[in-house]
Full PDB file with SEQRES, HELIX, SHEET, SSBOND, CRYST1, ORIGX, SCALE, CONECT and MASTER records, all heavy atoms in Angstrom:
SEQRES   1 A   35  LYS GLN ARG LYS THR THR SER MET LYS SER LYS ASN LEU          
SEQRES   2 A   35  SER ASN SER SER THR ILE LYS LYS THR VAL PRO LYS LYS          
SEQRES   3 A   35  ALA ARG GLU PRO ARG ASP PHE ILE SER                          
HELIX    1 AA1 GLN A    2  THR A   22  1                                  21    
HELIX    2 AA2 LYS A   25  ILE A   34  1                                  10    
CRYST1    1.000    1.000    1.000  90.00  90.00  90.00 P 1           1          
ORIGX1      1.000000  0.000000  0.000000        0.00000                         
ORIGX2      0.000000  1.000000  0.000000        0.00000                         
ORIGX3      0.000000  0.000000  1.000000        0.00000                         
SCALE1      1.000000  0.000000  0.000000        0.00000                         
SCALE2      0.000000  1.000000  0.000000        0.00000                         
SCALE3      0.000000  0.000000  1.000000        0.00000                         
ATOM      1  N   LYS A   1      93.986  74.640  90.147  1.00  0.00           N  
ATOM      2  CA  LYS A   1      92.750  75.239  90.651  1.00  0.00           C  
ATOM      3  C   LYS A   1      93.055  76.395  91.598  1.00  0.00           C  
ATOM      4  O   LYS A   1      92.410  77.432  91.556  1.00  0.00           O  
ATOM      5  CB  LYS A   1      91.927  74.190  91.406  1.00  0.00           C  
ATOM      6  CG  LYS A   1      91.112  73.292  90.477  1.00  0.00           C  
ATOM      7  CD  LYS A   1      90.295  72.326  91.285  1.00  0.00           C  
ATOM      8  CE  LYS A   1      89.576  71.345  90.362  1.00  0.00           C  
ATOM      9  NZ  LYS A   1      88.893  70.285  91.143  1.00  0.00           N  
ATOM     10  N   GLN A   2      94.088  76.218  92.460  1.00  0.00           N  
ATOM     11  CA  GLN A   2      94.454  77.280  93.403  1.00  0.00           C  
ATOM     12  C   GLN A   2      94.951  78.506  92.654  1.00  0.00           C  
ATOM     13  O   GLN A   2      94.643  79.634  93.011  1.00  0.00           O  
ATOM     14  CB  GLN A   2      95.517  76.782  94.383  1.00  0.00           C  
ATOM     15  CG  GLN A   2      94.944  75.840  95.415  1.00  0.00           C  
ATOM     16  CD  GLN A   2      96.005  75.231  96.292  1.00  0.00           C  
ATOM     17  OE1 GLN A   2      97.189  75.268  96.009  1.00  0.00           O  
ATOM     18  NE2 GLN A   2      95.579  74.655  97.399  1.00  0.00           N  
ATOM     19  N   ARG A   3      95.734  78.309  91.590  1.00  0.00           N  
ATOM     20  CA  ARG A   3      96.248  79.428  90.799  1.00  0.00           C  
ATOM     21  C   ARG A   3      95.098  80.158  90.105  1.00  0.00           C  
ATOM     22  O   ARG A   3      95.057  81.367  90.058  1.00  0.00           O  
ATOM     23  CB  ARG A   3      97.278  78.946  89.785  1.00  0.00           C  
ATOM     24  CG  ARG A   3      98.612  78.630  90.437  1.00  0.00           C  
ATOM     25  CD  ARG A   3      99.763  78.618  89.466  1.00  0.00           C  
ATOM     26  NE  ARG A   3      99.388  78.252  88.127  1.00  0.00           N  
ATOM     27  CZ  ARG A   3     100.074  77.434  87.351  1.00  0.00           C  
ATOM     28  NH1 ARG A   3     101.166  76.880  87.779  1.00  0.00           N  
ATOM     29  NH2 ARG A   3      99.682  77.158  86.121  1.00  0.00           N  
ATOM     30  N   LYS A   4      94.115  79.404  89.554  1.00  0.00           N  
ATOM     31  CA  LYS A   4      92.967  80.016  88.887  1.00  0.00           C  
ATOM     32  C   LYS A   4      92.124  80.798  89.890  1.00  0.00           C  
ATOM     33  O   LYS A   4      91.700  81.909  89.602  1.00  0.00           O  
ATOM     34  CB  LYS A   4      92.107  78.937  88.226  1.00  0.00           C  
ATOM     35  CG  LYS A   4      92.657  78.453  86.902  1.00  0.00           C  
ATOM     36  CD  LYS A   4      91.732  77.433  86.277  1.00  0.00           C  
ATOM     37  CE  LYS A   4      92.335  76.873  84.997  1.00  0.00           C  
ATOM     38  NZ  LYS A   4      91.486  75.829  84.417  1.00  0.00           N  
ATOM     39  N   THR A   5      91.893  80.239  91.074  1.00  0.00           N  
ATOM     40  CA  THR A   5      91.111  80.906  92.100  1.00  0.00           C  
ATOM     41  C   THR A   5      91.776  82.216  92.506  1.00  0.00           C  
ATOM     42  O   THR A   5      91.123  83.230  92.644  1.00  0.00           O  
ATOM     43  CB  THR A   5      90.945  79.990  93.344  1.00  0.00           C  
ATOM     44  OG1 THR A   5      90.380  78.747  92.926  1.00  0.00           O  
ATOM     45  CG2 THR A   5      90.049  80.628  94.383  1.00  0.00           C  
ATOM     46  N   THR A   6      93.095  82.177  92.685  1.00  0.00           N  
ATOM     47  CA  THR A   6      93.848  83.386  93.061  1.00  0.00           C  
ATOM     48  C   THR A   6      93.731  84.443  91.988  1.00  0.00           C  
ATOM     49  O   THR A   6      93.487  85.605  92.277  1.00  0.00           O  
ATOM     50  CB  THR A   6      95.335  83.044  93.311  1.00  0.00           C  
ATOM     51  OG1 THR A   6      95.391  81.980  94.259  1.00  0.00           O  
ATOM     52  CG2 THR A   6      96.091  84.227  93.846  1.00  0.00           C  
ATOM     53  N   SER A   7      93.868  84.071  90.708  1.00  0.00           N  
ATOM     54  CA  SER A   7      93.786  85.056  89.627  1.00  0.00           C  
ATOM     55  C   SER A   7      92.353  85.576  89.484  1.00  0.00           C  
ATOM     56  O   SER A   7      92.159  86.745  89.204  1.00  0.00           O  
ATOM     57  CB  SER A   7      94.284  84.462  88.304  1.00  0.00           C  
ATOM     58  OG  SER A   7      93.435  83.433  87.874  1.00  0.00           O  
ATOM     59  N   MET A   8      91.338  84.727  89.714  1.00  0.00           N  
ATOM     60  CA  MET A   8      89.943  85.178  89.668  1.00  0.00           C  
ATOM     61  C   MET A   8      89.676  86.188  90.762  1.00  0.00           C  
ATOM     62  O   MET A   8      89.018  87.189  90.533  1.00  0.00           O  
ATOM     63  CB  MET A   8      88.989  83.985  89.818  1.00  0.00           C  
ATOM     64  CG  MET A   8      88.959  83.046  88.621  1.00  0.00           C  
ATOM     65  SD  MET A   8      88.081  83.740  87.241  1.00  0.00           S  
ATOM     66  CE  MET A   8      86.411  83.438  87.760  1.00  0.00           C  
ATOM     67  N   LYS A   9      90.192  85.921  91.980  1.00  0.00           N  
ATOM     68  CA  LYS A   9      90.009  86.854  93.097  1.00  0.00           C  
ATOM     69  C   LYS A   9      90.597  88.212  92.786  1.00  0.00           C  
ATOM     70  O   LYS A   9      90.022  89.240  93.069  1.00  0.00           O  
ATOM     71  CB  LYS A   9      90.604  86.268  94.382  1.00  0.00           C  
ATOM     72  CG  LYS A   9      89.743  85.207  95.024  1.00  0.00           C  
ATOM     73  CD  LYS A   9      90.386  84.706  96.282  1.00  0.00           C  
ATOM     74  CE  LYS A   9      89.576  83.582  96.898  1.00  0.00           C  
ATOM     75  NZ  LYS A   9      90.234  82.986  98.052  1.00  0.00           N  
ATOM     76  N   SER A  10      91.810  88.204  92.223  1.00  0.00           N  
ATOM     77  CA  SER A  10      92.469  89.484  91.910  1.00  0.00           C  
ATOM     78  C   SER A  10      91.696  90.243  90.837  1.00  0.00           C  
ATOM     79  O   SER A  10      91.586  91.448  90.887  1.00  0.00           O  
ATOM     80  CB  SER A  10      93.925  89.275  91.495  1.00  0.00           C  
ATOM     81  OG  SER A  10      94.002  88.526  90.331  1.00  0.00           O  
ATOM     82  N   LYS A  11      91.104  89.531  89.868  1.00  0.00           N  
ATOM     83  CA  LYS A  11      90.280  90.190  88.836  1.00  0.00           C  
ATOM     84  C   LYS A  11      89.028  90.765  89.477  1.00  0.00           C  
ATOM     85  O   LYS A  11      88.645  91.892  89.189  1.00  0.00           O  
ATOM     86  CB  LYS A  11      89.881  89.193  87.741  1.00  0.00           C  
ATOM     87  CG  LYS A  11      90.970  88.891  86.768  1.00  0.00           C  
ATOM     88  CD  LYS A  11      90.497  87.921  85.710  1.00  0.00           C  
ATOM     89  CE  LYS A  11      91.643  87.504  84.782  1.00  0.00           C  
ATOM     90  NZ  LYS A  11      91.208  86.486  83.825  1.00  0.00           N  
ATOM     91  N   ASN A  12      88.392  89.997  90.361  1.00  0.00           N  
ATOM     92  CA  ASN A  12      87.181  90.480  91.024  1.00  0.00           C  
ATOM     93  C   ASN A  12      87.449  91.700  91.878  1.00  0.00           C  
ATOM     94  O   ASN A  12      86.647  92.619  91.930  1.00  0.00           O  
ATOM     95  CB  ASN A  12      86.553  89.366  91.881  1.00  0.00           C  
ATOM     96  CG  ASN A  12      85.908  88.289  91.029  1.00  0.00           C  
ATOM     97  OD1 ASN A  12      85.598  88.507  89.858  1.00  0.00           O  
ATOM     98  ND2 ASN A  12      85.710  87.123  91.605  1.00  0.00           N  
ATOM     99  N   LEU A  13      88.568  91.718  92.555  1.00  0.00           N  
ATOM    100  CA  LEU A  13      88.942  92.844  93.390  1.00  0.00           C  
ATOM    101  C   LEU A  13      89.140  94.102  92.536  1.00  0.00           C  
ATOM    102  O   LEU A  13      88.690  95.170  92.895  1.00  0.00           O  
ATOM    103  CB  LEU A  13      90.214  92.549  94.201  1.00  0.00           C  
ATOM    104  CG  LEU A  13      90.043  91.556  95.355  1.00  0.00           C  
ATOM    105  CD1 LEU A  13      91.391  91.229  95.979  1.00  0.00           C  
ATOM    106  CD2 LEU A  13      89.111  92.117  96.406  1.00  0.00           C  
ATOM    107  N   SER A  14      89.804  93.951  91.385  1.00  0.00           N  
ATOM    108  CA  SER A  14      90.024  95.128  90.542  1.00  0.00           C  
ATOM    109  C   SER A  14      88.701  95.605  89.932  1.00  0.00           C  
ATOM    110  O   SER A  14      88.463  96.796  89.819  1.00  0.00           O  
ATOM    111  CB  SER A  14      91.023  94.811  89.424  1.00  0.00           C  
ATOM    112  OG  SER A  14      90.510  93.792  88.584  1.00  0.00           O  
ATOM    113  N   ASN A  15      87.765  94.698  89.616  1.00  0.00           N  
ATOM    114  CA  ASN A  15      86.454  95.081  89.104  1.00  0.00           C  
ATOM    115  C   ASN A  15      85.626  95.770  90.186  1.00  0.00           C  
ATOM    116  O   ASN A  15      84.960  96.749  89.925  1.00  0.00           O  
ATOM    117  CB  ASN A  15      85.693  93.858  88.603  1.00  0.00           C  
ATOM    118  CG  ASN A  15      86.264  93.343  87.289  1.00  0.00           C  
ATOM    119  OD1 ASN A  15      86.990  94.050  86.617  1.00  0.00           O  
ATOM    120  ND2 ASN A  15      85.948  92.108  86.953  1.00  0.00           N  
ATOM    121  N   SER A  16      85.676  95.253  91.421  1.00  0.00           N  
ATOM    122  CA  SER A  16      84.885  95.832  92.501  1.00  0.00           C  
ATOM    123  C   SER A  16      85.343  97.251  92.816  1.00  0.00           C  
ATOM    124  O   SER A  16      84.538  98.089  93.172  1.00  0.00           O  
ATOM    125  CB  SER A  16      84.919  94.954  93.728  1.00  0.00           C  
ATOM    126  OG  SER A  16      86.219  94.899  94.264  1.00  0.00           O  
ATOM    127  N   SER A  17      86.632  97.528  92.692  1.00  0.00           N  
ATOM    128  CA  SER A  17      87.106  98.880  92.980  1.00  0.00           C  
ATOM    129  C   SER A  17      86.589  99.852  91.915  1.00  0.00           C  
ATOM    130  O   SER A  17      86.300 101.005  92.212  1.00  0.00           O  
ATOM    131  CB  SER A  17      88.630  98.918  93.064  1.00  0.00           C  
ATOM    132  OG  SER A  17      89.178  98.548  91.817  1.00  0.00           O  
ATOM    133  N   THR A  18      86.420  99.376  90.678  1.00  0.00           N  
ATOM    134  CA  THR A  18      85.869 100.210  89.604  1.00  0.00           C  
ATOM    135  C   THR A  18      84.407 100.525  89.884  1.00  0.00           C  
ATOM    136  O   THR A  18      83.961 101.643  89.721  1.00  0.00           O  
ATOM    137  CB  THR A  18      85.999  99.506  88.236  1.00  0.00           C  
ATOM    138  OG1 THR A  18      87.343  99.074  88.078  1.00  0.00           O  
ATOM    139  CG2 THR A  18      85.592 100.434  87.096  1.00  0.00           C  
ATOM    140  N   ILE A  19      83.673  99.518  90.326  1.00  0.00           N  
ATOM    141  CA  ILE A  19      82.241  99.686  90.632  1.00  0.00           C  
ATOM    142  C   ILE A  19      82.065 100.685  91.769  1.00  0.00           C  
ATOM    143  O   ILE A  19      81.199 101.558  91.695  1.00  0.00           O  
ATOM    144  CB  ILE A  19      81.571  98.338  90.984  1.00  0.00           C  
ATOM    145  CG1 ILE A  19      81.524  97.476  89.730  1.00  0.00           C  
ATOM    146  CG2 ILE A  19      80.188  98.537  91.564  1.00  0.00           C  
ATOM    147  CD1 ILE A  19      81.196  96.025  90.015  1.00  0.00           C  
ATOM    148  N   LYS A  20      82.895 100.607  92.799  1.00  0.00           N  
ATOM    149  CA  LYS A  20      82.790 101.506  93.936  1.00  0.00           C  
ATOM    150  C   LYS A  20      82.895 102.978  93.508  1.00  0.00           C  
ATOM    151  O   LYS A  20      82.262 103.832  94.070  1.00  0.00           O  
ATOM    152  CB  LYS A  20      83.867 101.201  94.989  1.00  0.00           C  
ATOM    153  CG  LYS A  20      83.504 100.012  95.849  1.00  0.00           C  
ATOM    154  CD  LYS A  20      84.547  99.828  96.908  1.00  0.00           C  
ATOM    155  CE  LYS A  20      84.235  98.607  97.753  1.00  0.00           C  
ATOM    156  NZ  LYS A  20      85.240  98.396  98.774  1.00  0.00           N  
ATOM    157  N   LYS A  21      83.717 103.251  92.501  1.00  0.00           N  
ATOM    158  CA  LYS A  21      83.889 104.616  92.052  1.00  0.00           C  
ATOM    159  C   LYS A  21      82.619 105.164  91.419  1.00  0.00           C  
ATOM    160  O   LYS A  21      82.367 106.357  91.469  1.00  0.00           O  
ATOM    161  CB  LYS A  21      85.026 104.689  91.035  1.00  0.00           C  
ATOM    162  CG  LYS A  21      86.401 104.491  91.672  1.00  0.00           C  
ATOM    163  CD  LYS A  21      87.470 104.497  90.616  1.00  0.00           C  
ATOM    164  CE  LYS A  21      88.813 104.154  91.249  1.00  0.00           C  
ATOM    165  NZ  LYS A  21      89.867 104.017  90.244  1.00  0.00           N  
ATOM    166  N   THR A  22      81.796 104.309  90.823  1.00  0.00           N  
ATOM    167  CA  THR A  22      80.595 104.785  90.138  1.00  0.00           C  
ATOM    168  C   THR A  22      79.348 104.776  91.036  1.00  0.00           C  
ATOM    169  O   THR A  22      78.348 105.363  90.678  1.00  0.00           O  
ATOM    170  CB  THR A  22      80.314 103.901  88.910  1.00  0.00           C  
ATOM    171  OG1 THR A  22      80.122 102.555  89.337  1.00  0.00           O  
ATOM    172  CG2 THR A  22      81.447 103.960  87.905  1.00  0.00           C  
ATOM    173  N   VAL A  23      79.395 104.142  92.202  1.00  0.00           N  
ATOM    174  CA  VAL A  23      78.235 104.090  93.092  1.00  0.00           C  
ATOM    175  C   VAL A  23      78.263 105.290  94.007  1.00  0.00           C  
ATOM    176  O   VAL A  23      79.305 105.638  94.552  1.00  0.00           O  
ATOM    177  CB  VAL A  23      78.284 102.770  93.923  1.00  0.00           C  
ATOM    178  CG1 VAL A  23      77.142 102.743  94.947  1.00  0.00           C  
ATOM    179  CG2 VAL A  23      78.210 101.576  93.009  1.00  0.00           C  
ATOM    180  N   PRO A  24      77.108 105.957  94.233  1.00  0.00           N  
ATOM    181  CA  PRO A  24      77.067 107.102  95.135  1.00  0.00           C  
ATOM    182  C   PRO A  24      77.481 106.705  96.550  1.00  0.00           C  
ATOM    183  O   PRO A  24      77.261 105.572  96.969  1.00  0.00           O  
ATOM    184  CB  PRO A  24      75.596 107.528  95.109  1.00  0.00           C  
ATOM    185  CG  PRO A  24      75.014 106.901  93.902  1.00  0.00           C  
ATOM    186  CD  PRO A  24      75.831 105.689  93.598  1.00  0.00           C  
ATOM    187  N   LYS A  25      78.035 107.659  97.299  1.00  0.00           N  
ATOM    188  CA  LYS A  25      78.568 107.398  98.613  1.00  0.00           C  
ATOM    189  C   LYS A  25      77.543 106.810  99.568  1.00  0.00           C  
ATOM    190  O   LYS A  25      77.810 105.876 100.294  1.00  0.00           O  
ATOM    191  CB  LYS A  25      79.171 108.675  99.194  1.00  0.00           C  
ATOM    192  CG  LYS A  25      79.953 108.436 100.452  1.00  0.00           C  
ATOM    193  CD  LYS A  25      80.623 109.693 100.936  1.00  0.00           C  
ATOM    194  CE  LYS A  25      81.441 109.394 102.167  1.00  0.00           C  
ATOM    195  NZ  LYS A  25      82.103 110.556 102.692  1.00  0.00           N  
ATOM    196  N   LYS A  26      76.336 107.346  99.602  1.00  0.00           N  
ATOM    197  CA  LYS A  26      75.292 106.865 100.543  1.00  0.00           C  
ATOM    198  C   LYS A  26      74.941 105.398 100.275  1.00  0.00           C  
ATOM    199  O   LYS A  26      74.734 104.640 101.191  1.00  0.00           O  
ATOM    200  CB  LYS A  26      74.049 107.738 100.442  1.00  0.00           C  
ATOM    201  CG  LYS A  26      74.229 109.079 101.106  1.00  0.00           C  
ATOM    202  CD  LYS A  26      72.957 109.864 101.049  1.00  0.00           C  
ATOM    203  CE  LYS A  26      73.174 111.226 101.719  1.00  0.00           C  
ATOM    204  NZ  LYS A  26      71.973 112.039 101.641  1.00  0.00           N  
ATOM    205  N   ALA A  27      74.873 105.037  99.020  1.00  0.00           N  
ATOM    206  CA  ALA A  27      74.522 103.623  98.690  1.00  0.00           C  
ATOM    207  C   ALA A  27      75.665 102.686  99.001  1.00  0.00           C  
ATOM    208  O   ALA A  27      75.475 101.534  99.225  1.00  0.00           O  
ATOM    209  CB  ALA A  27      74.169 103.546  97.207  1.00  0.00           C  
ATOM    210  N   ARG A  28      76.890 103.226  99.035  1.00  0.00           N  
ATOM    211  CA  ARG A  28      78.054 102.395  99.226  1.00  0.00           C  
ATOM    212  C   ARG A  28      78.306 102.066 100.691  1.00  0.00           C  
ATOM    213  O   ARG A  28      78.806 101.016 101.030  1.00  0.00           O  
ATOM    214  CB  ARG A  28      79.274 103.120  98.639  1.00  0.00           C  
ATOM    215  CG  ARG A  28      80.485 102.218  98.529  1.00  0.00           C  
ATOM    216  CD  ARG A  28      81.640 102.888  97.843  1.00  0.00           C  
ATOM    217  NE  ARG A  28      82.195 103.970  98.643  1.00  0.00           N  
ATOM    218  CZ  ARG A  28      82.435 105.187  98.180  1.00  0.00           C  
ATOM    219  NH1 ARG A  28      82.171 105.500  96.940  1.00  0.00           N  
ATOM    220  NH2 ARG A  28      82.938 106.099  98.966  1.00  0.00           N  
ATOM    221  N   GLU A  29      77.937 102.923 101.613  1.00  0.00           N  
ATOM    222  CA  GLU A  29      78.299 102.735 103.019  1.00  0.00           C  
ATOM    223  C   GLU A  29      77.808 101.420 103.611  1.00  0.00           C  
ATOM    224  O   GLU A  29      78.596 100.699 104.193  1.00  0.00           O  
ATOM    225  CB  GLU A  29      77.789 103.918 103.852  1.00  0.00           C  
ATOM    226  CG  GLU A  29      78.646 105.156 103.619  1.00  0.00           C  
ATOM    227  CD  GLU A  29      78.078 106.385 104.289  1.00  0.00           C  
ATOM    228  OE1 GLU A  29      77.056 106.272 104.984  1.00  0.00           O  
ATOM    229  OE2 GLU A  29      78.662 107.440 104.113  1.00  0.00           O  
ATOM    230  N   PRO A  30      76.551 100.989 103.429  1.00  0.00           N  
ATOM    231  CA  PRO A  30      76.152  99.678 103.990  1.00  0.00           C  
ATOM    232  C   PRO A  30      76.918  98.533 103.387  1.00  0.00           C  
ATOM    233  O   PRO A  30      77.283  97.591 104.075  1.00  0.00           O  
ATOM    234  CB  PRO A  30      74.669  99.592 103.645  1.00  0.00           C  
ATOM    235  CG  PRO A  30      74.220 100.995 103.419  1.00  0.00           C  
ATOM    236  CD  PRO A  30      75.444 101.728 102.869  1.00  0.00           C  
ATOM    237  N   ARG A  31      77.244  98.596 102.082  1.00  0.00           N  
ATOM    238  CA  ARG A  31      77.993  97.518 101.445  1.00  0.00           C  
ATOM    239  C   ARG A  31      79.412  97.426 102.006  1.00  0.00           C  
ATOM    240  O   ARG A  31      79.938  96.344 102.191  1.00  0.00           O  
ATOM    241  CB  ARG A  31      78.068  97.752  99.922  1.00  0.00           C  
ATOM    242  CG  ARG A  31      76.754  97.474  99.252  1.00  0.00           C  
ATOM    243  CD  ARG A  31      76.934  97.522  97.761  1.00  0.00           C  
ATOM    244  NE  ARG A  31      75.637  97.376  97.150  1.00  0.00           N  
ATOM    245  CZ  ARG A  31      75.238  98.017  96.070  1.00  0.00           C  
ATOM    246  NH1 ARG A  31      76.045  98.878  95.485  1.00  0.00           N  
ATOM    247  NH2 ARG A  31      74.062  97.810  95.571  1.00  0.00           N  
ATOM    248  N   ASP A  32      80.018  98.585 102.237  1.00  0.00           N  
ATOM    249  CA  ASP A  32      81.370  98.571 102.834  1.00  0.00           C  
ATOM    250  C   ASP A  32      81.331  97.869 104.175  1.00  0.00           C  
ATOM    251  O   ASP A  32      82.221  97.095 104.499  1.00  0.00           O  
ATOM    252  CB  ASP A  32      81.899 100.003 103.000  1.00  0.00           C  
ATOM    253  CG  ASP A  32      82.318 100.620 101.670  1.00  0.00           C  
ATOM    254  OD1 ASP A  32      82.452  99.860 100.682  1.00  0.00           O  
ATOM    255  OD2 ASP A  32      82.478 101.826 101.629  1.00  0.00           O  
ATOM    256  N   PHE A  33      80.310  98.119 104.958  1.00  0.00           N  
ATOM    257  CA  PHE A  33      80.198  97.487 106.271  1.00  0.00           C  
ATOM    258  C   PHE A  33      80.047  95.979 106.135  1.00  0.00           C  
ATOM    259  O   PHE A  33      80.712  95.220 106.795  1.00  0.00           O  
ATOM    260  CB  PHE A  33      78.987  98.076 107.011  1.00  0.00           C  
ATOM    261  CG  PHE A  33      78.749  97.441 108.355  1.00  0.00           C  
ATOM    262  CD1 PHE A  33      79.574  97.742 109.441  1.00  0.00           C  
ATOM    263  CD2 PHE A  33      77.751  96.494 108.537  1.00  0.00           C  
ATOM    264  CE1 PHE A  33      79.365  97.156 110.671  1.00  0.00           C  
ATOM    265  CE2 PHE A  33      77.573  95.885 109.737  1.00  0.00           C  
ATOM    266  CZ  PHE A  33      78.370  96.215 110.812  1.00  0.00           C  
ATOM    267  N   ILE A  34      79.204  95.550 105.183  1.00  0.00           N  
ATOM    268  CA  ILE A  34      79.001  94.106 104.965  1.00  0.00           C  
ATOM    269  C   ILE A  34      80.264  93.454 104.466  1.00  0.00           C  
ATOM    270  O   ILE A  34      80.678  92.415 104.976  1.00  0.00           O  
ATOM    271  CB  ILE A  34      77.833  93.865 103.959  1.00  0.00           C  
ATOM    272  CG1 ILE A  34      76.511  94.282 104.625  1.00  0.00           C  
ATOM    273  CG2 ILE A  34      77.757  92.413 103.524  1.00  0.00           C  
ATOM    274  CD1 ILE A  34      75.357  94.413 103.655  1.00  0.00           C  
ATOM    275  N   SER A  35      80.941  94.071 103.493  1.00  0.00           N  
ATOM    276  CA  SER A  35      82.143  93.421 102.936  1.00  0.00           C  
ATOM    277  C   SER A  35      83.253  93.367 103.980  1.00  0.00           C  
ATOM    278  O   SER A  35      84.048  92.443 103.977  1.00  0.00           O  
ATOM    279  CB  SER A  35      82.627  94.167 101.693  1.00  0.00           C  
ATOM    280  OG  SER A  35      83.035  95.476 102.021  1.00  0.00           O  
TER     281      SER A  35                                                      
MASTER        0    0    0    2    0    0    0    6  280    1    0    3          
END                                                                             
């Protein structure tokens, strides 16, 4: 379970970085603060 959780987190992190590139800067700033 720990290995699966770790691999899921790394996949989510790589996906989130892709999403950040497509979101406009103004919309991204509040999310960056929350995360």
